[in-house]
Amino acid sequence: MEWLVVVVVSAVLLYWIQNNNSGSKPWQFTNNESSNDIRYVKQGYLTTRNEQKLFQALRKVLVDNTMIHCQTSLIALTKPTDPKQALRAYSKRVDFVITDSKTKILAVIELDDSSHENQTRYRRDQYVNESLKDIHPLLRVKTQRFYEPIAIAKDLEGLGVKTKLSDLVASAEGAVVSK
């Protein structure tokens, strides 16, 4: 409840500062400002190429009644008990969240590329790990050129997520026998 008060007070204060400094409403443009001054570049995909490869592997591995959500905010997965942590949680995203068809969270997946060796990124990863600890199962996957579906299925099964592991193994064994 305290964090809600902090958020409301912050919003009112921000509104007051904007109105008193510019003399206009925050949603109105002044004479020297226009909507054309704001520049954006279109993002074609929610994920990077590496994340797209893992996404496709996850689609092969997961059973039909599961869903894969990309680039989900940490605040959607956890609610900090300390109001000071709320803003920090709002600014963090995880790569994938696996849910059932009713969006019950089953697992969180983070793809760790070489940037995760950076000290700043390491601290961010530690924060995410601590935030999810004892709340949601977290699977960290190292970036690879090819994601082996059977290995991913085994990792997810270890977290309690239902996969097509037996079908994948049978298919792989069938491919070996037919050679």
Foldseek 3Di string as FASTA:
>chain_A
DVLVVVVVVVVVVVQVVVCVPPVDGPVDDDPVDDPVVDDDDDDPDLDDPLLVQVVVLVVQWADDQKDKDAFAQQCVQFPDPDSVCNVVSRPDTAGIFIAGNVRDTAETEHEDEPCCVDPVNVVVVVVSCVRCVVRYHYHYHYRDPHDDSLVVNVVSVVSVGDTCNVVSVVVVVVVVVVD
